C-alpha atoms as a PDB file:
ATOM      1  CA  MET A   1       7.452  13.007 -21.759  1.00  0.00           C
ATOM      2  CA  LYS A   2       7.797   9.511 -20.352  1.00  0.00           C
ATOM      3  CA  ARG A   3      10.841   9.136 -18.150  1.00  0.00           C
ATOM      4  CA  THR A   4      12.712   5.901 -17.578  1.00  0.00           C
ATOM      5  CA  SER A   5      12.836   4.198 -14.193  1.00  0.00           C
ATOM      6  CA  SER A   6      16.447   5.361 -13.825  1.00  0.00           C
ATOM      7  CA  GLU A   7      15.473   8.981 -14.456  1.00  0.00           C
ATOM      8  CA  LEU A   8      12.638   8.823 -11.929  1.00  0.00           C
ATOM      9  CA  LYS A   9      14.999   7.299  -9.368  1.00  0.00           C
ATOM     10  CA  GLN A  10      17.550  10.043  -9.961  1.00  0.00           C
ATOM     11  CA  MET A  11      14.877  12.666  -9.366  1.00  0.00           C
ATOM     12  CA  ALA A  12      13.897  10.967  -6.100  1.00  0.00           C
ATOM     13  CA  LYS A  13      17.542  10.748  -4.992  1.00  0.00           C
ATOM     14  CA  GLY A  14      18.032  14.432  -5.746  1.00  0.00           C
ATOM     15  CA  THR A  15      15.062  15.322  -3.538  1.00  0.00           C
ATOM     16  CA  LEU A  16      16.097  13.063  -0.667  1.00  0.00           C
ATOM     17  CA  ILE A  17      19.798  13.880  -0.544  1.00  0.00           C
ATOM     18  CA  ASN A  18      20.606  15.303   2.904  1.00  0.00           C
ATOM     19  CA  ARG A  19      16.863  15.305   3.678  1.00  0.00           C
ATOM     20  CA  TYR A  20      16.252  11.719   4.700  1.00  0.00           C
ATOM     21  CA  SER A  21      15.629  12.548   8.368  1.00  0.00           C
ATOM     22  CA  LEU A  22      12.047  13.784   7.885  1.00  0.00           C
ATOM     23  CA  PRO A  23      10.662  10.823   5.891  1.00  0.00           C
ATOM     24  CA  ILE A  24      12.564   8.378   8.102  1.00  0.00           C
ATOM     25  CA  GLY A  25      11.027  10.052  11.143  1.00  0.00           C
ATOM     26  CA  ALA A  26       7.580   9.828   9.571  1.00  0.00           C
ATOM     27  CA  TYR A  27       7.924   6.125   8.857  1.00  0.00           C
ATOM     28  CA  LEU A  28       9.364   5.534  12.330  1.00  0.00           C
ATOM     29  CA  ILE A  29       6.329   7.162  13.925  1.00  0.00           C
ATOM     30  CA  THR A  30       3.869   5.109  11.868  1.00  0.00           C
ATOM     31  CA  SER A  31       5.862   1.927  12.520  1.00  0.00           C
ATOM     32  CA  VAL A  32       6.007   2.520  16.278  1.00  0.00           C
ATOM     33  CA  ILE A  33       2.266   3.208  16.383  1.00  0.00           C
ATOM     34  CA  SER A  34       1.592   0.057  14.371  1.00  0.00           C
ATOM     35  CA  ILE A  35       3.787  -2.091  16.620  1.00  0.00           C
ATOM     36  CA  ALA A  36       2.310  -0.576  19.786  1.00  0.00           C
ATOM     37  CA  VAL A  37      -1.259  -1.162  18.617  1.00  0.00           C
ATOM     38  CA  ASN A  38      -0.484  -4.780  17.735  1.00  0.00           C
ATOM     39  CA  ILE A  39       1.210  -5.368  21.107  1.00  0.00           C
ATOM     40  CA  ILE A  40      -1.841  -3.986  22.898  1.00  0.00           C
ATOM     41  CA  LEU A  41      -4.125  -6.114  20.723  1.00  0.00           C
ATOM     42  CA  THR A  42      -2.113  -9.243  21.527  1.00  0.00           C
ATOM     43  CA  ALA A  43      -2.081  -8.426  25.243  1.00  0.00           C
ATOM     44  CA  VAL A  44      -5.818  -7.810  25.399  1.00  0.00           C
ATOM     45  CA  PHE A  45      -6.701 -10.779  23.207  1.00  0.00           C
ATOM     46  CA  PRO A  46      -4.128 -13.558  23.811  1.00  0.00           C
ATOM     47  CA  PHE A  47      -3.935 -16.102  20.992  1.00  0.00           C
ATOM     48  CA  ASP A  48      -5.622 -19.419  21.710  1.00  0.00           C
ATOM     49  CA  GLU A  49      -5.409 -21.991  18.936  1.00  0.00           C
ATOM     50  CA  ASN A  50      -8.115 -24.083  20.588  1.00  0.00           C
ATOM     51  CA  SER A  51     -10.834 -21.457  20.422  1.00  0.00           C
ATOM     52  CA  LEU A  52     -12.422 -19.307  17.749  1.00  0.00           C
ATOM     53  CA  PRO A  53     -11.765 -15.554  17.734  1.00  0.00           C
ATOM     54  CA  THR A  54     -14.443 -13.533  19.515  1.00  0.00           C
ATOM     55  CA  VAL A  55     -16.560 -10.854  17.857  1.00  0.00           C
ATOM     56  CA  THR A  56     -14.829  -8.238  20.013  1.00  0.00           C
ATOM     57  CA  TYR A  57     -11.431  -9.412  18.798  1.00  0.00           C
ATOM     58  CA  LEU A  58     -12.537  -9.270  15.145  1.00  0.00           C
ATOM     59  CA  ILE A  59     -13.896  -5.756  15.647  1.00  0.00           C
ATOM     60  CA  ALA A  60     -10.628  -4.696  17.309  1.00  0.00           C
ATOM     61  CA  CYS A  61      -8.653  -6.135  14.368  1.00  0.00           C
ATOM     62  CA  ALA A  62     -10.872  -4.288  11.893  1.00  0.00           C
ATOM     63  CA  ILE A  63     -10.352  -0.991  13.740  1.00  0.00           C
ATOM     64  CA  THR A  64      -6.599  -1.622  13.801  1.00  0.00           C
ATOM     65  CA  GLU A  65      -6.542  -2.203  10.048  1.00  0.00           C
ATOM     66  CA  LEU A  66      -8.480   1.016   9.473  1.00  0.00           C
ATOM     67  CA  LEU A  67      -5.968   2.897  11.607  1.00  0.00           C
ATOM     68  CA  MET A  68      -3.079   1.492   9.550  1.00  0.00           C
ATOM     69  CA  VAL A  69      -4.790   2.536   6.303  1.00  0.00           C
ATOM     70  CA  ILE A  70      -5.159   6.111   7.550  1.00  0.00           C
ATOM     71  CA  LEU A  71      -1.571   6.233   8.833  1.00  0.00           C
ATOM     72  CA  GLN A  72      -0.053   5.198   5.496  1.00  0.00           C
ATOM     73  CA  VAL A  73      -1.259   8.475   3.971  1.00  0.00           C
ATOM     74  CA  GLY A  74       0.912  10.653   6.231  1.00  0.00           C
ATOM     75  CA  PRO A  75       4.397   9.757   4.939  1.00  0.00           C
ATOM     76  CA  THR A  76       3.070   9.966   1.376  1.00  0.00           C
ATOM     77  CA  THR A  77       1.798  13.492   2.061  1.00  0.00           C
ATOM     78  CA  ILE A  78       5.217  14.537   3.347  1.00  0.00           C
ATOM     79  CA  LEU A  79       7.089  13.003   0.408  1.00  0.00           C
ATOM     80  CA  LEU A  80       4.710  14.514  -2.137  1.00  0.00           C
ATOM     81  CA  ASP A  81       5.316  17.954  -0.649  1.00  0.00           C
ATOM     82  CA  MET A  82       9.086  17.375  -0.725  1.00  0.00           C
ATOM     83  CA  SER A  83       8.933  16.263  -4.372  1.00  0.00           C
ATOM     84  CA  ARG A  84       7.385  19.641  -5.179  1.00  0.00           C
ATOM     85  CA  GLY A  85      10.154  21.572  -3.485  1.00  0.00           C
ATOM     86  CA  GLY A  86       8.442  21.921  -0.123  1.00  0.00           C
ATOM     87  CA  LYS A  87      10.122  21.246   3.192  1.00  0.00           C
ATOM     88  CA  GLY A  88       7.512  18.799   4.448  1.00  0.00           C
ATOM     89  CA  GLN A  89       6.121  18.862   7.963  1.00  0.00           C
ATOM     90  CA  ILE A  90       6.222  16.066  10.518  1.00  0.00           C
ATOM     91  CA  LYS A  91       2.677  16.938  11.612  1.00  0.00           C
ATOM     92  CA  ASP A  92       1.471  15.683   8.229  1.00  0.00           C
ATOM     93  CA  VAL A  93       2.033  12.141   9.511  1.00  0.00           C
ATOM     94  CA  PHE A  94      -1.556  12.496  10.741  1.00  0.00           C
ATOM     95  CA  TYR A  95      -2.796  14.307   7.624  1.00  0.00           C
ATOM     96  CA  ALA A  96      -5.582  11.858   6.755  1.00  0.00           C
ATOM     97  CA  PHE A  97      -7.144  12.043  10.226  1.00  0.00           C
ATOM     98  CA  THR A  98      -8.176  15.641   9.562  1.00  0.00           C
ATOM     99  CA  HIS A  99      -8.927  15.386   5.826  1.00  0.00           C
ATOM    100  CA  GLN A 100     -11.987  13.215   5.280  1.00  0.00           C
ATOM    101  CA  PRO A 101     -10.454   9.874   6.264  1.00  0.00           C
ATOM    102  CA  ASP A 102     -13.666   8.134   5.205  1.00  0.00           C
ATOM    103  CA  ARG A 103     -12.673   8.662   1.558  1.00  0.00           C
ATOM    104  CA  ILE A 104      -9.404   6.767   1.810  1.00  0.00           C
ATOM    105  CA  LEU A 105     -10.965   4.100   4.043  1.00  0.00           C
ATOM    106  CA  LEU A 106     -13.776   3.411   1.588  1.00  0.00           C
ATOM    107  CA  ALA A 107     -11.353   3.361  -1.341  1.00  0.00           C
ATOM    108  CA  GLN A 108      -9.156   0.825   0.466  1.00  0.00           C
ATOM    109  CA  LEU A 109     -12.224  -1.264   1.321  1.00  0.00           C
ATOM    110  CA  LEU A 110     -13.278  -1.400  -2.334  1.00  0.00           C
ATOM    111  CA  ILE A 111      -9.757  -2.336  -3.429  1.00  0.00           C
ATOM    112  CA  SER A 112      -9.680  -5.073  -0.774  1.00  0.00           C
ATOM    113  CA  LEU A 113     -12.987  -6.420  -2.084  1.00  0.00           C
ATOM    114  CA  ILE A 114     -11.475  -6.615  -5.572  1.00  0.00           C
ATOM    115  CA  SER A 115      -8.562  -8.616  -4.138  1.00  0.00           C
ATOM    116  CA  LEU A 116     -10.975 -10.895  -2.299  1.00  0.00           C
ATOM    117  CA  ALA A 117     -13.000 -11.489  -5.449  1.00  0.00           C
ATOM    118  CA  CYS A 118      -9.828 -12.514  -7.291  1.00  0.00           C
ATOM    119  CA  ALA A 119      -8.882 -14.988  -4.554  1.00  0.00           C
ATOM    120  CA  LEU A 120     -12.400 -16.345  -3.990  1.00  0.00           C
ATOM    121  CA  PRO A 121     -12.430 -19.075  -6.703  1.00  0.00           C
ATOM    122  CA  GLY A 122      -9.216 -20.583  -5.307  1.00  0.00           C
ATOM    123  CA  ILE A 123     -10.529 -20.359  -1.742  1.00  0.00           C
ATOM    124  CA  LEU A 124     -13.790 -22.074  -2.634  1.00  0.00           C
ATOM    125  CA  VAL A 125     -12.129 -24.905  -4.567  1.00  0.00           C
ATOM    126  CA  TYR A 126      -9.592 -25.436  -1.774  1.00  0.00           C
ATOM    127  CA  ALA A 127     -12.370 -25.501   0.820  1.00  0.00           C
ATOM    128  CA  LEU A 128     -14.285 -28.025  -1.276  1.00  0.00           C
ATOM    129  CA  ALA A 129     -11.201 -30.208  -1.703  1.00  0.00           C
ATOM    130  CA  TRP A 130     -10.493 -30.120   2.044  1.00  0.00           C
ATOM    131  CA  SER A 131     -14.056 -30.766   3.183  1.00  0.00           C
ATOM    132  CA  MET A 132     -14.772 -33.521   0.645  1.00  0.00           C
ATOM    133  CA  HIS A 133     -11.263 -35.046   0.736  1.00  0.00           C
ATOM    134  CA  LEU A 134     -10.893 -34.603  -3.021  1.00  0.00           C
ATOM    135  CA  ALA A 135      -7.144 -34.607  -3.509  1.00  0.00           C
ATOM    136  CA  TYR A 136      -7.337 -34.042  -7.256  1.00  0.00           C
ATOM    137  CA  LEU A 137      -8.848 -30.592  -6.637  1.00  0.00           C
ATOM    138  CA  TYR A 138      -5.798 -29.257  -4.786  1.00  0.00           C
ATOM    139  CA  PRO A 139      -3.786 -28.626  -8.001  1.00  0.00           C
ATOM    140  CA  VAL A 140      -6.857 -26.868  -9.424  1.00  0.00           C
ATOM    141  CA  ALA A 141      -7.042 -24.678  -6.333  1.00  0.00           C
ATOM    142  CA  ILE A 142      -3.334 -23.815  -6.649  1.00  0.00           C
ATOM    143  CA  LEU A 143      -3.778 -22.837 -10.303  1.00  0.00           C
ATOM    144  CA  LEU A 144      -6.787 -20.710  -9.383  1.00  0.00           C
ATOM    145  CA  PHE A 145      -4.771 -19.013  -6.630  1.00  0.00           C
ATOM    146  CA  ILE A 146      -1.979 -18.212  -9.099  1.00  0.00           C
ATOM    147  CA  ALA A 147      -4.421 -16.940 -11.721  1.00  0.00           C
ATOM    148  CA  GLY A 148      -6.243 -14.937  -9.068  1.00  0.00           C
ATOM    149  CA  ALA A 149      -3.001 -13.384  -7.835  1.00  0.00           C
ATOM    150  CA  ALA A 150      -2.033 -12.355 -11.375  1.00  0.00           C
ATOM    151  CA  LEU A 151      -5.496 -10.880 -11.987  1.00  0.00           C
ATOM    152  CA  ASN A 152      -5.359  -9.105  -8.641  1.00  0.00           C
ATOM    153  CA  ILE A 153      -2.019  -7.474  -9.494  1.00  0.00           C
ATOM    154  CA  TYR A 154      -3.330  -6.371 -12.897  1.00  0.00           C
ATOM    155  CA  LEU A 155      -6.547  -4.884 -11.498  1.00  0.00           C
ATOM    156  CA  THR A 156      -5.154  -3.244  -8.358  1.00  0.00           C
ATOM    157  CA  LEU A 157      -2.292  -1.629 -10.290  1.00  0.00           C
ATOM    158  CA  GLY A 158      -4.994   0.600 -11.703  1.00  0.00           C
ATOM    159  CA  TYR A 159      -5.603   2.051  -8.244  1.00  0.00           C
ATOM    160  CA  GLU A 160      -2.002   2.763  -7.221  1.00  0.00           C
ATOM    161  CA  LEU A 161      -2.546   6.505  -7.604  1.00  0.00           C
ATOM    162  CA  VAL A 162      -5.570   6.738  -5.326  1.00  0.00           C
ATOM    163  CA  ILE A 163      -3.603   8.050  -2.323  1.00  0.00           C
ATOM    164  CA  PRO A 164      -1.784  10.928  -4.106  1.00  0.00           C
ATOM    165  CA  LEU A 165      -5.051  11.807  -5.862  1.00  0.00           C
ATOM    166  CA  TYR A 166      -6.799  11.785  -2.479  1.00  0.00           C
ATOM    167  CA  ILE A 167      -4.197  14.259  -1.203  1.00  0.00           C
ATOM    168  CA  ASP A 168      -4.385  16.499  -4.279  1.00  0.00           C
ATOM    169  CA  CYS A 169      -8.150  16.386  -4.897  1.00  0.00           C
ATOM    170  CA  PRO A 170     -10.055  16.930  -1.621  1.00  0.00           C
ATOM    171  CA  GLN A 171     -13.222  17.755  -3.558  1.00  0.00           C
ATOM    172  CA  LYS A 172     -13.445  14.397  -5.328  1.00  0.00           C
ATOM    173  CA  GLY A 173     -15.426  11.437  -4.047  1.00  0.00           C
ATOM    174  CA  VAL A 174     -14.162   7.891  -3.638  1.00  0.00           C
ATOM    175  CA  LEU A 175     -15.465   6.494  -6.927  1.00  0.00           C
ATOM    176  CA  GLU A 176     -14.156   9.526  -8.799  1.00  0.00           C
ATOM    177  CA  LEU A 177     -10.696   9.072  -7.268  1.00  0.00           C
ATOM    178  CA  MET A 178     -10.654   5.410  -8.227  1.00  0.00           C
ATOM    179  CA  ARG A 179     -11.911   6.119 -11.742  1.00  0.00           C
ATOM    180  CA  GLU A 180      -9.286   8.832 -12.300  1.00  0.00           C
ATOM    181  CA  SER A 181      -6.521   6.566 -10.985  1.00  0.00           C
ATOM    182  CA  ARG A 182      -7.646   3.816 -13.347  1.00  0.00           C
ATOM    183  CA  MET A 183      -7.683   6.231 -16.298  1.00  0.00           C
ATOM    184  CA  LEU A 184      -4.231   7.610 -15.488  1.00  0.00           C
ATOM    185  CA  MET A 185      -2.766   4.119 -15.130  1.00  0.00           C
ATOM    186  CA  ALA A 186      -4.241   2.916 -18.438  1.00  0.00           C
ATOM    187  CA  GLY A 187      -1.230   2.162 -20.626  1.00  0.00           C
ATOM    188  CA  ASN A 188       1.149   2.778 -17.710  1.00  0.00           C
ATOM    189  CA  LYS A 189       0.663  -0.358 -15.601  1.00  0.00           C
ATOM    190  CA  GLY A 190       3.618  -2.118 -17.212  1.00  0.00           C
ATOM    191  CA  ARG A 191       5.932   0.831 -16.541  1.00  0.00           C
ATOM    192  CA  TYR A 192       4.790   1.071 -12.943  1.00  0.00           C
ATOM    193  CA  PHE A 193       5.158  -2.671 -12.362  1.00  0.00           C
ATOM    194  CA  TYR A 194       8.676  -2.607 -13.809  1.00  0.00           C
ATOM    195  CA  LEU A 195       9.497   0.414 -11.627  1.00  0.00           C
ATOM    196  CA  ILE A 196       8.440  -1.455  -8.485  1.00  0.00           C
ATOM    197  CA  LEU A 197      10.343  -4.589  -9.524  1.00  0.00           C
ATOM    198  CA  SER A 198      13.506  -2.516 -10.002  1.00  0.00           C
ATOM    199  CA  PHE A 199      13.546  -1.948  -6.223  1.00  0.00           C
ATOM    200  CA  LEU A 200      13.480  -5.657  -5.411  1.00  0.00           C
ATOM    201  CA  GLY A 201      17.250  -5.889  -4.905  1.00  0.00           C
ATOM    202  CA  ILE A 202      17.330  -2.866  -2.594  1.00  0.00           C
ATOM    203  CA  MET A 203      14.444  -4.236  -0.545  1.00  0.00           C
ATOM    204  CA  LEU A 204      16.102  -7.634  -0.151  1.00  0.00           C
ATOM    205  CA  LEU A 205      19.384  -6.063   0.942  1.00  0.00           C
ATOM    206  CA  SER A 206      17.502  -3.878   3.423  1.00  0.00           C
ATOM    207  CA  MET A 207      15.978  -6.967   5.021  1.00  0.00           C
ATOM    208  CA  PHE A 208      19.448  -8.375   5.703  1.00  0.00           C
ATOM    209  CA  SER A 209      20.098  -5.328   7.902  1.00  0.00           C
ATOM    210  CA  CYS A 210      17.397  -6.511  10.325  1.00  0.00           C
ATOM    211  CA  PHE A 211      14.945  -4.374   8.325  1.00  0.00           C
ATOM    212  CA  ILE A 212      16.615  -1.149   9.480  1.00  0.00           C
ATOM    213  CA  GLY A 213      17.592  -0.410   5.881  1.00  0.00           C
ATOM    214  CA  LEU A 214      13.914  -0.238   4.982  1.00  0.00           C
ATOM    215  CA  LEU A 215      13.774   3.146   6.718  1.00  0.00           C
ATOM    216  CA  TRP A 216      15.888   4.449   3.820  1.00  0.00           C
ATOM    217  CA  ALA A 217      14.607   2.152   1.068  1.00  0.00           C
ATOM    218  CA  ILE A 218      10.878   2.746   1.571  1.00  0.00           C
ATOM    219  CA  PRO A 219      11.006   6.577   1.309  1.00  0.00           C
ATOM    220  CA  TYR A 220      13.209   6.188  -1.785  1.00  0.00           C
ATOM    221  CA  LEU A 221      10.745   3.763  -3.361  1.00  0.00           C
ATOM    222  CA  LYS A 222       7.698   5.812  -2.407  1.00  0.00           C
ATOM    223  CA  LEU A 223       9.148   9.090  -3.617  1.00  0.00           C
ATOM    224  CA  THR A 224      10.067   7.495  -6.944  1.00  0.00           C
ATOM    225  CA  THR A 225       6.457   6.342  -7.412  1.00  0.00           C
ATOM    226  CA  LEU A 226       5.301   9.870  -6.589  1.00  0.00           C
ATOM    227  CA  GLU A 227       7.591  11.245  -9.310  1.00  0.00           C
ATOM    228  CA  PHE A 228       5.884   8.716 -11.587  1.00  0.00           C
ATOM    229  CA  TYR A 229       2.523  10.140 -10.485  1.00  0.00           C
ATOM    230  CA  ARG A 230       3.599  13.739 -11.082  1.00  0.00           C
ATOM    231  CA  GLU A 231       4.809  12.793 -14.550  1.00  0.00           C
ATOM    232  CA  ILE A 232       1.535  11.089 -15.473  1.00  0.00           C
ATOM    233  CA  VAL A 233      -0.608  14.040 -14.377  1.00  0.00           C
ATOM    234  CA  GLY A 234       1.613  16.356 -16.435  1.00  0.00           C
ATOM    235  CA  GLU A 235       3.154  18.181 -13.494  1.00  0.00           C
ATOM    236  CA  ILE A 236       6.728  17.463 -14.579  1.00  0.00           C
END
């Protein structure tokens, strides 16, 4: 049975009512870690617009990005447990660190490569226009960027279920997780995209509260997408 966006949201609200403290705490922890890591990175490698970034700096940035990818799994793990009637545990913020983090890292790398491939034609044309001073190529580059962005959204929507599948299927490899996500999302991309768009107003309002409102909005959004996932796999 396919539920409407409103029904999925109501299910998420019912789970979160009087239980917001745990997911908010989880997102606070990941946010604080992210901010702290970036502050340290900035302090160790001060920005200098007159010089190129060093290899050490690029390696440090890559490690930081990998850390952020692993951290995003934790709050999802907690919310998925809550959606199934569990209490959730704050220790699960670090779930991915002890559950084959290489799987989620490789999956994210492959998804990032897909995004890069979509943007590459626009990047190349823009670079050519800039280096050769060919002004007439700039509109072409813009069109390619727009087309690439649309293609990127369409393709990466197919992999939106990789993280919950990673949590639920520890025995499956990276390519299998991505293939299963793509199969589950076939025919459901439009519904998922509409579901995400329906949160646009809430997200904008949250930003006007100096982003503090995002601590409530993000768990609500994420839990709603997890209800979507549970519906697709036939769990509800």
